[in-house]
């Protein structure tokens, strides 16, 4: 463990993704910055199996409606297997 924190890590992520300097990222308005930050985060995660799994898990957690057909199938499976 270390005792230091990085105060420009979000800017570094945007900088690398958008091919901009860190000072240039600091001049973006908040909407532009966070749009690029979101895209950079997604792009970086999409480049690995682990990142894709993390994104899939996050998507599942964002869903607000249950998948009723999947729940019915699961219920049938549980009943048929005697669990």
N, C-alpha and C. Protein backbone atom coordinates (compact mmCIF):
# COMPACT_ATOMS: atom_id res chain seq x y z
N UNK A 1 0.83 -1.18 0.00
CA UNK A 1 0.00 0.00 0.00
C UNK A 1 0.88 1.24 0.00
N UNK A 2 0.39 2.28 -0.62
CA UNK A 2 1.14 3.53 -0.67
C UNK A 2 0.34 4.66 -0.06
N UNK A 3 0.96 5.80 0.10
CA UNK A 3 0.31 6.93 0.76
C UNK A 3 0.05 8.09 -0.19
N UNK A 4 0.13 7.84 -1.48
CA UNK A 4 -0.04 8.90 -2.46
C UNK A 4 -1.34 8.70 -3.24
N UNK A 5 -1.89 9.78 -3.72
CA UNK A 5 -3.07 9.70 -4.59
C UNK A 5 -2.78 10.44 -5.89
N UNK A 6 -3.42 9.98 -6.94
CA UNK A 6 -3.27 10.61 -8.25
C UNK A 6 -4.47 11.52 -8.46
N UNK A 7 -4.23 12.79 -8.67
CA UNK A 7 -5.34 13.73 -8.79
C UNK A 7 -5.77 13.97 -10.24
N UNK A 8 -5.04 13.41 -11.19
CA UNK A 8 -5.38 13.64 -12.60
C UNK A 8 -5.64 12.34 -13.36
N UNK A 9 -5.99 11.27 -12.65
CA UNK A 9 -6.18 9.98 -13.33
C UNK A 9 -7.33 10.02 -14.34
N UNK A 10 -8.41 10.73 -14.02
CA UNK A 10 -9.50 10.85 -14.99
C UNK A 10 -9.03 11.61 -16.23
N UNK A 11 -8.24 12.65 -16.00
CA UNK A 11 -7.72 13.42 -17.14
C UNK A 11 -6.77 12.58 -17.98
N UNK A 12 -5.98 11.73 -17.34
CA UNK A 12 -5.06 10.86 -18.07
C UNK A 12 -5.83 9.87 -18.95
N UNK A 13 -6.90 9.32 -18.41
CA UNK A 13 -7.73 8.40 -19.18
C UNK A 13 -8.31 9.09 -20.42
N UNK A 14 -8.86 10.29 -20.23
CA UNK A 14 -9.43 11.06 -21.35
C UNK A 14 -8.33 11.46 -22.31
N UNK A 15 -7.20 11.89 -21.78
CA UNK A 15 -6.08 12.32 -22.60
C UNK A 15 -5.62 11.21 -23.54
N UNK A 16 -5.44 10.01 -23.00
CA UNK A 16 -5.00 8.88 -23.82
C UNK A 16 -6.05 8.51 -24.86
N UNK A 17 -7.30 8.48 -24.45
CA UNK A 17 -8.39 8.09 -25.35
C UNK A 17 -8.59 9.09 -26.48
N UNK A 18 -8.57 10.38 -26.14
CA UNK A 18 -8.89 11.42 -27.13
C UNK A 18 -7.65 12.02 -27.79
N UNK A 19 -6.47 11.48 -27.47
CA UNK A 19 -5.22 11.97 -28.03
C UNK A 19 -5.07 13.47 -27.78
N UNK A 20 -5.28 13.85 -26.53
CA UNK A 20 -5.17 15.24 -26.09
C UNK A 20 -4.14 15.31 -24.98
N UNK A 21 -3.62 16.50 -24.74
CA UNK A 21 -2.75 16.68 -23.57
C UNK A 21 -3.63 16.81 -22.33
N UNK A 22 -3.04 16.57 -21.18
CA UNK A 22 -3.80 16.71 -19.94
C UNK A 22 -4.31 18.14 -19.77
N UNK A 23 -3.49 19.16 -20.03
CA UNK A 23 -4.03 20.54 -19.94
C UNK A 23 -5.21 20.78 -20.89
N UNK A 24 -5.17 20.17 -22.08
CA UNK A 24 -6.31 20.32 -23.00
C UNK A 24 -7.58 19.71 -22.42
N UNK A 25 -7.44 18.57 -21.71
CA UNK A 25 -8.63 17.95 -21.11
C UNK A 25 -9.21 18.83 -20.03
N UNK A 26 -8.38 19.61 -19.37
CA UNK A 26 -8.85 20.50 -18.31
C UNK A 26 -9.62 21.70 -18.86
N UNK A 27 -9.47 21.95 -20.15
CA UNK A 27 -10.19 23.06 -20.79
C UNK A 27 -11.52 22.63 -21.39
N UNK A 28 -11.84 21.35 -21.36
CA UNK A 28 -13.12 20.88 -21.87
C UNK A 28 -14.23 21.29 -20.90
N UNK A 29 -15.42 21.55 -21.46
CA UNK A 29 -16.53 21.79 -20.52
C UNK A 29 -16.91 20.45 -19.90
N UNK A 30 -17.66 20.51 -18.81
CA UNK A 30 -17.94 19.31 -18.01
C UNK A 30 -18.67 18.23 -18.82
N UNK A 31 -19.56 18.63 -19.72
CA UNK A 31 -20.30 17.65 -20.52
C UNK A 31 -19.37 16.96 -21.50
N UNK A 32 -18.53 17.72 -22.18
CA UNK A 32 -17.57 17.12 -23.12
C UNK A 32 -16.61 16.19 -22.38
N UNK A 33 -16.13 16.66 -21.23
CA UNK A 33 -15.17 15.86 -20.48
C UNK A 33 -15.76 14.52 -20.06
N UNK A 34 -16.94 14.56 -19.45
CA UNK A 34 -17.51 13.31 -18.95
C UNK A 34 -18.05 12.41 -20.06
N UNK A 35 -18.38 12.97 -21.20
CA UNK A 35 -18.73 12.13 -22.34
C UNK A 35 -17.50 11.36 -22.81
N UNK A 36 -16.37 12.05 -22.92
CA UNK A 36 -15.12 11.38 -23.30
C UNK A 36 -14.66 10.41 -22.22
N UNK A 37 -14.83 10.78 -20.96
CA UNK A 37 -14.43 9.91 -19.85
C UNK A 37 -15.22 8.60 -19.89
N UNK A 38 -16.53 8.71 -20.09
CA UNK A 38 -17.38 7.53 -20.17
C UNK A 38 -16.95 6.64 -21.33
N UNK A 39 -16.76 7.26 -22.51
CA UNK A 39 -16.34 6.49 -23.68
C UNK A 39 -14.98 5.83 -23.47
N UNK A 40 -14.05 6.55 -22.86
CA UNK A 40 -12.73 5.99 -22.60
C UNK A 40 -12.81 4.82 -21.65
N UNK A 41 -13.62 4.96 -20.61
CA UNK A 41 -13.81 3.87 -19.64
C UNK A 41 -14.38 2.64 -20.33
N UNK A 42 -15.43 2.83 -21.13
CA UNK A 42 -16.05 1.70 -21.84
C UNK A 42 -15.06 1.08 -22.82
N UNK A 43 -14.39 1.91 -23.60
CA UNK A 43 -13.42 1.42 -24.59
C UNK A 43 -12.34 0.57 -23.93
N UNK A 44 -11.80 1.07 -22.82
CA UNK A 44 -10.74 0.32 -22.12
C UNK A 44 -11.25 -1.01 -21.58
N UNK A 45 -12.47 -1.03 -21.08
CA UNK A 45 -13.02 -2.28 -20.55
C UNK A 45 -13.38 -3.26 -21.65
N UNK A 46 -13.77 -2.77 -22.81
CA UNK A 46 -14.15 -3.64 -23.92
C UNK A 46 -12.95 -4.37 -24.53
N UNK A 47 -11.76 -3.98 -24.16
CA UNK A 47 -10.56 -4.56 -24.78
C UNK A 47 -10.07 -5.84 -24.08
N UNK A 48 -10.78 -6.28 -23.04
CA UNK A 48 -10.37 -7.52 -22.37
C UNK A 48 -11.59 -8.33 -21.96
N UNK A 49 -11.40 -9.63 -21.80
CA UNK A 49 -12.49 -10.49 -21.36
C UNK A 49 -12.97 -10.08 -19.96
N UNK A 50 -12.03 -9.77 -19.09
CA UNK A 50 -12.38 -9.36 -17.73
C UNK A 50 -13.19 -8.06 -17.74
N UNK A 51 -12.77 -7.11 -18.60
CA UNK A 51 -13.49 -5.84 -18.71
C UNK A 51 -14.88 -6.02 -19.28
N UNK A 52 -15.00 -6.89 -20.29
CA UNK A 52 -16.32 -7.17 -20.85
C UNK A 52 -17.23 -7.81 -19.82
N UNK A 53 -16.70 -8.69 -18.99
CA UNK A 53 -17.49 -9.31 -17.93
C UNK A 53 -17.96 -8.25 -16.94
N UNK A 54 -17.06 -7.35 -16.58
CA UNK A 54 -17.40 -6.27 -15.65
C UNK A 54 -18.51 -5.39 -16.22
N UNK A 55 -18.43 -5.06 -17.51
CA UNK A 55 -19.47 -4.26 -18.15
C UNK A 55 -20.79 -5.00 -18.22
N UNK A 56 -20.74 -6.29 -18.50
CA UNK A 56 -21.96 -7.10 -18.55
C UNK A 56 -22.61 -7.14 -17.17
N UNK A 57 -21.81 -7.33 -16.13
CA UNK A 57 -22.33 -7.34 -14.76
C UNK A 57 -22.96 -5.99 -14.41
N UNK A 58 -22.31 -4.91 -14.81
CA UNK A 58 -22.85 -3.57 -14.53
C UNK A 58 -24.17 -3.36 -15.26
N UNK A 59 -24.25 -3.81 -16.49
CA UNK A 59 -25.49 -3.67 -17.27
C UNK A 59 -26.63 -4.42 -16.58
N UNK A 60 -26.33 -5.62 -16.12
CA UNK A 60 -27.35 -6.43 -15.45
C UNK A 60 -27.86 -5.70 -14.20
N UNK A 61 -26.95 -5.11 -13.44
CA UNK A 61 -27.34 -4.41 -12.23
C UNK A 61 -28.18 -3.16 -12.51
N UNK A 62 -28.03 -2.59 -13.70
CA UNK A 62 -28.79 -1.39 -14.06
C UNK A 62 -30.23 -1.70 -14.47
N UNK A 63 -30.52 -2.94 -14.77
CA UNK A 63 -31.86 -3.29 -15.25
C UNK A 63 -32.86 -3.16 -14.11
N UNK A 64 -33.98 -2.53 -14.39
CA UNK A 64 -34.97 -2.32 -13.34
C UNK A 64 -36.18 -3.23 -13.49
N UNK A 65 -36.30 -3.92 -14.61
CA UNK A 65 -37.41 -4.83 -14.82
C UNK A 65 -36.89 -6.27 -14.81
N UNK A 66 -37.56 -7.16 -14.10
CA UNK A 66 -37.11 -8.55 -14.06
C UNK A 66 -37.37 -9.24 -15.40
N UNK A 67 -36.53 -10.20 -15.72
CA UNK A 67 -36.71 -11.02 -16.92
C UNK A 67 -37.66 -12.15 -16.53
N UNK A 68 -38.94 -11.90 -16.70
CA UNK A 68 -39.96 -12.85 -16.23
C UNK A 68 -39.86 -14.21 -16.89
N UNK A 69 -39.55 -14.24 -18.18
CA UNK A 69 -39.45 -15.54 -18.85
C UNK A 69 -38.27 -16.35 -18.30
N UNK A 70 -37.15 -15.69 -18.01
CA UNK A 70 -36.01 -16.40 -17.42
C UNK A 70 -36.34 -16.88 -16.02
N UNK A 71 -37.09 -16.08 -15.25
CA UNK A 71 -37.48 -16.51 -13.91
C UNK A 71 -38.42 -17.72 -13.96
N UNK A 72 -39.33 -17.74 -14.92
CA UNK A 72 -40.23 -18.89 -15.07
C UNK A 72 -39.45 -20.15 -15.41
N UNK A 73 -38.49 -20.01 -16.32
CA UNK A 73 -37.65 -21.16 -16.69
C UNK A 73 -36.85 -21.66 -15.50
N UNK A 74 -36.30 -20.73 -14.73
CA UNK A 74 -35.54 -21.12 -13.54
C UNK A 74 -36.43 -21.84 -12.54
N UNK A 75 -37.64 -21.35 -12.36
CA UNK A 75 -38.59 -21.98 -11.44
C UNK A 75 -38.89 -23.41 -11.90
N UNK A 76 -39.15 -23.59 -13.22
CA UNK A 76 -39.40 -24.94 -13.75
C UNK A 76 -38.22 -25.85 -13.51
N UNK A 77 -37.03 -25.33 -13.75
CA UNK A 77 -35.80 -26.12 -13.58
C UNK A 77 -35.63 -26.55 -12.13
N UNK A 78 -35.88 -25.63 -11.20
CA UNK A 78 -35.76 -25.95 -9.78
C UNK A 78 -36.80 -27.00 -9.37
N UNK A 79 -38.01 -26.83 -9.83
CA UNK A 79 -39.08 -27.80 -9.50
C UNK A 79 -38.76 -29.17 -10.09
N UNK A 80 -38.32 -29.22 -11.33
CA UNK A 80 -38.02 -30.48 -11.98
C UNK A 80 -36.81 -31.21 -11.38
N UNK A 81 -35.88 -30.44 -10.86
CA UNK A 81 -34.67 -31.04 -10.27
C UNK A 81 -34.83 -31.32 -8.79
N UNK A 82 -35.98 -30.97 -8.23
CA UNK A 82 -36.26 -31.25 -6.82
C UNK A 82 -35.43 -30.47 -5.84
N UNK A 83 -35.01 -29.29 -6.20
CA UNK A 83 -34.18 -28.48 -5.28
C UNK A 83 -35.03 -27.59 -4.43
